């Protein structure tokens, strides 16, 4: 009877150790906001693609947002930057650990299109 109790206790500890949740490695997971197409840019027929570079810390917070490639129009670039600043990301895991990451998001501004947001 003592052997059975000792075995059960050891088995329980082993299973508890194995059952601890471990976050699997993940892909970049962000909710990207679509920018508003500036009214003056529409009126002037301005179009182009702004590529925004975003750096995210290990906790999923945006810490840096810059223009990686300009659309050629200041107002469009500013709209793309504002949209990225309003976006949110989940932490990225590598080897079970949270890590910072950087990605580039293109925003295409074209007259007549519904949304200037391009999927990653």
C-alpha atoms as a PDB file:
ATOM      1  CA  UNK A   1       0.000   0.000   0.000  1.00  0.00           C
ATOM      2  CA  UNK A   2       2.826   2.444   0.783  1.00  0.00           C
ATOM      3  CA  UNK A   3       4.436   1.773  -2.562  1.00  0.00           C
ATOM      4  CA  UNK A   4       1.188   2.612  -4.351  1.00  0.00           C
ATOM      5  CA  UNK A   5       0.835   5.945  -2.513  1.00  0.00           C
ATOM      6  CA  UNK A   6       4.455   6.873  -3.221  1.00  0.00           C
ATOM      7  CA  UNK A   7       4.048   5.968  -6.892  1.00  0.00           C
ATOM      8  CA  UNK A   8       0.853   7.975  -7.169  1.00  0.00           C
ATOM      9  CA  UNK A   9       2.501  11.042  -5.603  1.00  0.00           C
ATOM     10  CA  UNK A  10       5.451  10.803  -8.001  1.00  0.00           C
ATOM     11  CA  UNK A  11       3.139  10.297 -10.954  1.00  0.00           C
ATOM     12  CA  UNK A  12       1.042  13.321  -9.966  1.00  0.00           C
ATOM     13  CA  UNK A  13       4.120  15.544  -9.725  1.00  0.00           C
ATOM     14  CA  UNK A  14       5.353  14.359 -13.079  1.00  0.00           C
ATOM     15  CA  UNK A  15       2.012  14.990 -14.768  1.00  0.00           C
ATOM     16  CA  UNK A  16       1.631  18.384 -13.147  1.00  0.00           C
ATOM     17  CA  UNK A  17       5.066  19.388 -14.442  1.00  0.00           C
ATOM     18  CA  UNK A  18       4.170  18.234 -17.946  1.00  0.00           C
ATOM     19  CA  UNK A  19       0.749  19.854 -17.859  1.00  0.00           C
ATOM     20  CA  UNK A  20       2.079  23.374 -17.255  1.00  0.00           C
ATOM     21  CA  UNK A  21       0.897  25.550 -20.133  1.00  0.00           C
ATOM     22  CA  UNK A  22       3.687  26.514 -22.482  1.00  0.00           C
ATOM     23  CA  UNK A  23       2.908  29.067 -25.130  1.00  0.00           C
ATOM     24  CA  UNK A  24       3.691  27.705 -28.580  1.00  0.00           C
ATOM     25  CA  UNK A  25       5.756  29.731 -31.004  1.00  0.00           C
ATOM     26  CA  UNK A  26       3.514  32.099 -32.897  1.00  0.00           C
ATOM     27  CA  UNK A  27       3.385  34.206 -36.005  1.00  0.00           C
ATOM     28  CA  UNK A  28       3.063  37.961 -36.001  1.00  0.00           C
ATOM     29  CA  UNK A  29      -0.532  38.649 -34.955  1.00  0.00           C
ATOM     30  CA  UNK A  30      -1.589  42.291 -35.254  1.00  0.00           C
ATOM     31  CA  UNK A  31      -4.883  44.076 -35.705  1.00  0.00           C
ATOM     32  CA  UNK A  32      -3.949  46.702 -38.290  1.00  0.00           C
ATOM     33  CA  UNK A  33      -6.130  49.795 -38.498  1.00  0.00           C
ATOM     34  CA  UNK A  34      -7.115  51.080 -41.921  1.00  0.00           C
ATOM     35  CA  UNK A  35      -6.246  54.754 -42.421  1.00  0.00           C
ATOM     36  CA  UNK A  36      -8.709  57.443 -43.383  1.00  0.00           C
ATOM     37  CA  UNK A  37      -8.021  58.706 -46.899  1.00  0.00           C
ATOM     38  CA  UNK A  38      -7.349  62.435 -46.348  1.00  0.00           C
ATOM     39  CA  UNK A  39     -10.068  64.553 -47.970  1.00  0.00           C
ATOM     40  CA  UNK A  40      -7.583  67.038 -49.463  1.00  0.00           C
ATOM     41  CA  UNK A  41      -5.583  64.155 -50.924  1.00  0.00           C
ATOM     42  CA  UNK A  42      -8.748  62.795 -52.568  1.00  0.00           C
ATOM     43  CA  UNK A  43      -9.644  66.230 -53.917  1.00  0.00           C
ATOM     44  CA  UNK A  44      -6.145  66.650 -55.391  1.00  0.00           C
ATOM     45  CA  UNK A  45      -6.121  63.116 -56.841  1.00  0.00           C
ATOM     46  CA  UNK A  46      -3.153  62.029 -54.723  1.00  0.00           C
ATOM     47  CA  UNK A  47      -2.454  58.292 -54.824  1.00  0.00           C
ATOM     48  CA  UNK A  48       0.423  56.036 -53.828  1.00  0.00           C
ATOM     49  CA  UNK A  49       1.604  53.375 -51.434  1.00  0.00           C
ATOM     50  CA  UNK A  50       3.132  54.221 -48.069  1.00  0.00           C
ATOM     51  CA  UNK A  51       5.105  51.443 -46.369  1.00  0.00           C
ATOM     52  CA  UNK A  52       5.151  51.814 -42.587  1.00  0.00           C
ATOM     53  CA  UNK A  53       7.819  50.092 -40.484  1.00  0.00           C
ATOM     54  CA  UNK A  54       6.640  49.168 -36.982  1.00  0.00           C
ATOM     55  CA  UNK A  55       8.750  47.916 -34.089  1.00  0.00           C
ATOM     56  CA  UNK A  56       6.966  46.030 -31.319  1.00  0.00           C
ATOM     57  CA  UNK A  57       8.371  45.203 -27.875  1.00  0.00           C
ATOM     58  CA  UNK A  58       8.228  41.768 -26.219  1.00  0.00           C
ATOM     59  CA  UNK A  59       4.893  42.651 -24.576  1.00  0.00           C
ATOM     60  CA  UNK A  60       3.243  43.480 -27.915  1.00  0.00           C
ATOM     61  CA  UNK A  61       3.378  47.276 -27.575  1.00  0.00           C
ATOM     62  CA  UNK A  62       4.214  49.420 -30.618  1.00  0.00           C
ATOM     63  CA  UNK A  63       7.350  51.340 -29.692  1.00  0.00           C
ATOM     64  CA  UNK A  64       8.364  52.821 -33.042  1.00  0.00           C
ATOM     65  CA  UNK A  65       6.470  53.698 -36.220  1.00  0.00           C
ATOM     66  CA  UNK A  66       8.263  55.212 -39.218  1.00  0.00           C
ATOM     67  CA  UNK A  67       7.861  55.557 -42.969  1.00  0.00           C
ATOM     68  CA  UNK A  68       9.957  52.889 -44.697  1.00  0.00           C
ATOM     69  CA  UNK A  69       8.868  54.067 -48.163  1.00  0.00           C
ATOM     70  CA  UNK A  70       6.937  57.257 -48.874  1.00  0.00           C
ATOM     71  CA  UNK A  71       3.805  57.411 -50.985  1.00  0.00           C
ATOM     72  CA  UNK A  72       5.176  60.660 -52.371  1.00  0.00           C
ATOM     73  CA  UNK A  73       2.523  62.681 -50.523  1.00  0.00           C
ATOM     74  CA  UNK A  74       2.934  63.951 -46.961  1.00  0.00           C
ATOM     75  CA  UNK A  75      -0.765  63.700 -46.088  1.00  0.00           C
ATOM     76  CA  UNK A  76      -0.980  60.065 -47.231  1.00  0.00           C
ATOM     77  CA  UNK A  77       2.172  59.179 -45.281  1.00  0.00           C
ATOM     78  CA  UNK A  78       0.768  60.873 -42.168  1.00  0.00           C
ATOM     79  CA  UNK A  79      -2.536  58.979 -42.526  1.00  0.00           C
ATOM     80  CA  UNK A  80      -0.639  55.683 -42.787  1.00  0.00           C
ATOM     81  CA  UNK A  81       1.459  56.502 -39.701  1.00  0.00           C
ATOM     82  CA  UNK A  82      -1.655  57.460 -37.697  1.00  0.00           C
ATOM     83  CA  UNK A  83      -3.359  54.197 -38.661  1.00  0.00           C
ATOM     84  CA  UNK A  84      -0.344  52.132 -37.606  1.00  0.00           C
ATOM     85  CA  UNK A  85      -0.157  53.978 -34.271  1.00  0.00           C
ATOM     86  CA  UNK A  86      -3.777  52.930 -33.676  1.00  0.00           C
ATOM     87  CA  UNK A  87      -3.002  49.279 -34.424  1.00  0.00           C
ATOM     88  CA  UNK A  88      -2.382  46.597 -31.787  1.00  0.00           C
ATOM     89  CA  UNK A  89      -0.236  43.468 -31.695  1.00  0.00           C
ATOM     90  CA  UNK A  90      -0.068  40.352 -29.581  1.00  0.00           C
ATOM     91  CA  UNK A  91       3.298  39.226 -28.190  1.00  0.00           C
ATOM     92  CA  UNK A  92       5.421  37.081 -30.493  1.00  0.00           C
ATOM     93  CA  UNK A  93       6.883  33.884 -29.037  1.00  0.00           C
ATOM     94  CA  UNK A  94      10.097  32.196 -30.190  1.00  0.00           C
ATOM     95  CA  UNK A  95      11.337  29.147 -28.312  1.00  0.00           C
ATOM     96  CA  UNK A  96       8.591  29.731 -25.741  1.00  0.00           C
ATOM     97  CA  UNK A  97       9.884  33.232 -24.911  1.00  0.00           C
ATOM     98  CA  UNK A  98       8.386  36.600 -25.822  1.00  0.00           C
ATOM     99  CA  UNK A  99      10.557  38.518 -28.287  1.00  0.00           C
ATOM    100  CA  UNK A 100      10.440  41.983 -29.866  1.00  0.00           C
ATOM    101  CA  UNK A 101       9.850  42.152 -33.616  1.00  0.00           C
ATOM    102  CA  UNK A 102       9.697  44.535 -36.566  1.00  0.00           C
ATOM    103  CA  UNK A 103       7.504  44.389 -39.650  1.00  0.00           C
ATOM    104  CA  UNK A 104       6.547  46.590 -42.580  1.00  0.00           C
ATOM    105  CA  UNK A 105       2.916  47.251 -43.497  1.00  0.00           C
ATOM    106  CA  UNK A 106       2.007  48.720 -46.920  1.00  0.00           C
ATOM    107  CA  UNK A 107      -0.959  51.096 -47.237  1.00  0.00           C
ATOM    108  CA  UNK A 108      -2.135  51.706 -50.817  1.00  0.00           C
ATOM    109  CA  UNK A 109      -4.110  54.859 -51.447  1.00  0.00           C
ATOM    110  CA  UNK A 110      -6.025  54.681 -54.744  1.00  0.00           C
ATOM    111  CA  UNK A 111      -9.098  56.654 -55.705  1.00  0.00           C
ATOM    112  CA  UNK A 112     -12.203  54.508 -55.982  1.00  0.00           C
ATOM    113  CA  UNK A 113     -10.967  51.713 -53.662  1.00  0.00           C
ATOM    114  CA  UNK A 114     -12.819  50.829 -50.470  1.00  0.00           C
ATOM    115  CA  UNK A 115      -9.818  50.498 -48.139  1.00  0.00           C
ATOM    116  CA  UNK A 116      -6.155  51.496 -48.450  1.00  0.00           C
ATOM    117  CA  UNK A 117      -5.134  48.632 -46.152  1.00  0.00           C
ATOM    118  CA  UNK A 118      -3.254  45.770 -47.724  1.00  0.00           C
ATOM    119  CA  UNK A 119      -3.050  42.480 -45.831  1.00  0.00           C
ATOM    120  CA  UNK A 120       0.393  41.399 -44.649  1.00  0.00           C
END
